[in-house]
């Protein structure tokens, strides 16, 4: 890999094009695994009796659960050298990645059985010269909706490649 980041034609062709993918149905086990990792055992997220008697009428996933619901499960050996999932990066943009910003809006609830549709697009690619050399800034926008086409969340990530 060259010492400076670079962008290929493949990345420029992705600019503005929407990619669509779907999650597996959300299960109570998926939610509990998330809770274990976050160490957040709010009964609203896992206790059927408690959640049924709440204003939500049943178990709901924690607000940021949508961010992991669509991640592929891969062996550690399939991760990139910097520990990232290869599909979190933008194909055709090369360099060491650093998350520079993340704007998240949660708009709805995720329930057991929901299947999320994730719509993603690269909204900008910008090449700059920084004090320490060349930088590439990539912005990716994603929206998440359930099987009823109700929007659950949206997020915008800005990643710097150096």
Protein backbone atom coordinates (compact mmCIF):
# COMPACT_ATOMS: atom_id res chain seq x y z
CA UNK A 1 0.00 0.00 0.00
CA UNK A 2 1.33 3.49 -0.82
CA UNK A 3 2.34 5.69 2.11
CA UNK A 4 -0.35 8.25 1.33
CA UNK A 5 -4.09 7.60 1.01
CA UNK A 6 -5.64 7.47 -2.42
CA UNK A 7 -9.00 7.17 -4.18
CA UNK A 8 -9.68 4.95 -7.21
CA UNK A 9 -12.36 5.29 -9.88
CA UNK A 10 -14.40 2.63 -8.04
CA UNK A 11 -14.98 5.02 -5.12
CA UNK A 12 -15.87 7.98 -7.31
CA UNK A 13 -18.46 5.82 -9.09
CA UNK A 14 -20.13 5.02 -5.74
CA UNK A 15 -20.64 8.70 -4.95
CA UNK A 16 -24.37 9.32 -4.49
CA UNK A 17 -25.43 5.76 -5.38
CA UNK A 18 -27.66 4.06 -2.84
CA UNK A 19 -26.83 0.55 -1.65
CA UNK A 20 -29.60 -1.44 0.05
CA UNK A 21 -29.25 -4.37 2.42
CA UNK A 22 -31.46 -6.14 4.94
CA UNK A 23 -30.83 -7.53 8.41
CA UNK A 24 -31.78 -10.90 9.78
CA UNK A 25 -34.96 -10.79 11.88
CA UNK A 26 -34.17 -9.30 15.28
CA UNK A 27 -34.34 -11.92 18.02
CA UNK A 28 -34.40 -11.62 21.77
CA UNK A 29 -31.03 -13.39 21.72
CA UNK A 30 -29.54 -10.68 19.45
CA UNK A 31 -30.77 -8.06 21.87
CA UNK A 32 -29.41 -9.94 24.90
CA UNK A 33 -26.00 -10.31 23.23
CA UNK A 34 -25.98 -6.56 22.67
CA UNK A 35 -26.98 -6.00 26.31
CA UNK A 36 -24.16 -8.25 27.49
CA UNK A 37 -21.62 -6.29 25.45
CA UNK A 38 -22.98 -2.94 26.62
CA UNK A 39 -23.62 -4.17 30.19
CA UNK A 40 -27.02 -2.47 30.06
CA UNK A 41 -29.64 -4.71 31.63
CA UNK A 42 -32.60 -2.34 31.57
CA UNK A 43 -35.59 -4.74 31.94
CA UNK A 44 -37.37 -2.91 29.13
CA UNK A 45 -34.90 -4.56 26.74
CA UNK A 46 -35.13 -8.18 27.93
CA UNK A 47 -37.82 -8.82 30.56
CA UNK A 48 -41.07 -9.71 28.80
CA UNK A 49 -43.34 -9.13 31.81
CA UNK A 50 -41.78 -5.78 32.67
CA UNK A 51 -41.75 -4.60 29.05
CA UNK A 52 -45.35 -5.71 28.41
CA UNK A 53 -46.52 -3.58 31.33
CA UNK A 54 -44.53 -0.56 30.11
CA UNK A 55 -45.72 2.21 27.80
CA UNK A 56 -44.12 0.25 24.91
CA UNK A 57 -46.25 -2.88 25.43
CA UNK A 58 -43.35 -5.26 24.85
CA UNK A 59 -39.62 -5.69 24.56
CA UNK A 60 -37.79 -3.06 22.53
CA UNK A 61 -34.13 -2.91 21.56
CA UNK A 62 -31.83 -0.28 23.06
CA UNK A 63 -31.67 2.95 21.02
CA UNK A 64 -28.28 2.30 19.34
CA UNK A 65 -28.95 -1.39 18.62
CA UNK A 66 -29.65 -0.51 14.97
CA UNK A 67 -25.94 0.22 14.47
CA UNK A 68 -24.97 -3.42 15.06
CA UNK A 69 -28.10 -5.14 13.74
CA UNK A 70 -26.81 -5.16 10.17
CA UNK A 71 -23.18 -6.03 10.82
CA UNK A 72 -21.92 -9.23 9.32
CA UNK A 73 -20.47 -11.83 11.66
CA UNK A 74 -16.94 -12.60 10.46
CA UNK A 75 -13.83 -14.30 11.82
CA UNK A 76 -11.20 -11.97 13.25
CA UNK A 77 -8.94 -13.06 10.38
CA UNK A 78 -11.36 -11.35 7.93
CA UNK A 79 -10.93 -7.92 9.52
CA UNK A 80 -8.67 -5.34 7.92
CA UNK A 81 -5.21 -4.61 9.31
CA UNK A 82 -6.60 -1.69 11.33
CA UNK A 83 -9.32 -3.90 12.87
CA UNK A 84 -12.18 -2.55 10.79
CA UNK A 85 -14.83 -4.55 8.96
CA UNK A 86 -14.12 -4.36 5.25
CA UNK A 87 -17.71 -3.30 4.50
CA UNK A 88 -17.48 -0.32 6.85
CA UNK A 89 -14.88 1.15 4.58
CA UNK A 90 -15.58 2.65 1.19
CA UNK A 91 -14.44 0.42 -1.69
CA UNK A 92 -11.75 2.22 -3.64
CA UNK A 93 -10.56 4.48 -0.81
CA UNK A 94 -7.27 3.36 0.68
CA UNK A 95 -5.33 4.47 3.74
CA UNK A 96 -5.54 4.13 7.49
CA UNK A 97 -9.04 5.10 8.58
CA UNK A 98 -10.05 7.22 11.55
CA UNK A 99 -13.66 7.99 12.49
CA UNK A 100 -13.81 11.78 12.52
CA UNK A 101 -17.48 12.29 13.31
CA UNK A 102 -20.77 10.51 13.67
CA UNK A 103 -24.16 12.20 13.67
CA UNK A 104 -26.94 9.86 14.83
CA UNK A 105 -30.70 10.39 15.03
CA UNK A 106 -32.93 7.71 16.56
CA UNK A 107 -36.53 8.09 15.40
CA UNK A 108 -38.31 4.84 16.19
CA UNK A 109 -38.28 1.56 18.07
CA UNK A 110 -36.93 -1.84 17.10
CA UNK A 111 -38.89 -4.85 18.29
CA UNK A 112 -38.25 -8.58 18.27
CA UNK A 113 -39.05 -9.90 14.78
CA UNK A 114 -38.27 -6.67 12.94
CA UNK A 115 -36.24 -6.86 9.74
CA UNK A 116 -34.41 -3.64 9.03
CA UNK A 117 -33.66 -2.21 5.63
CA UNK A 118 -30.44 -0.22 5.54
CA UNK A 119 -29.98 2.32 2.77
CA UNK A 120 -26.43 3.65 2.48
CA UNK A 121 -24.68 6.04 0.16
CA UNK A 122 -21.38 7.82 -0.05
CA UNK A 123 -22.41 11.46 0.01
CA UNK A 124 -18.99 13.08 -0.39
CA UNK A 125 -15.33 12.37 -1.01
CA UNK A 126 -12.90 15.20 -0.43
CA UNK A 127 -9.14 15.19 -0.93
CA UNK A 128 -7.10 17.63 1.19
CA UNK A 129 -3.58 18.43 2.19
CA UNK A 130 -3.12 18.51 5.96
CA UNK A 131 -0.14 19.60 8.04
CA UNK A 132 1.15 16.02 8.04
CA UNK A 133 0.31 15.14 4.46
CA UNK A 134 -2.56 14.08 2.27
CA UNK A 135 -5.98 13.31 3.76
CA UNK A 136 -9.17 11.95 2.27
CA UNK A 137 -12.47 12.76 3.97
CA UNK A 138 -15.40 10.48 3.15
CA UNK A 139 -18.94 11.00 4.31
CA UNK A 140 -21.43 8.12 4.29
CA UNK A 141 -25.15 8.50 5.05
CA UNK A 142 -27.37 5.62 6.18
CA UNK A 143 -31.06 5.31 6.97
CA UNK A 144 -32.68 2.39 8.74
CA UNK A 145 -36.35 1.42 8.43
CA UNK A 146 -38.38 -1.57 9.54
CA UNK A 147 -40.52 -3.95 7.48
CA UNK A 148 -43.43 -1.48 7.73
CA UNK A 149 -41.26 1.19 6.07
CA UNK A 150 -41.16 3.17 9.33
CA UNK A 151 -37.89 5.02 9.72
CA UNK A 152 -36.01 3.87 12.80
CA UNK A 153 -32.83 5.93 12.56
CA UNK A 154 -30.32 7.67 10.39
CA UNK A 155 -26.63 8.28 10.73
CA UNK A 156 -23.90 10.16 8.94
CA UNK A 157 -20.29 9.06 9.37
CA UNK A 158 -17.25 11.09 8.43
CA UNK A 159 -14.09 9.03 8.04
CA UNK A 160 -10.61 10.44 7.48
CA UNK A 161 -8.08 8.33 5.62
CA UNK A 162 -4.45 9.21 6.24
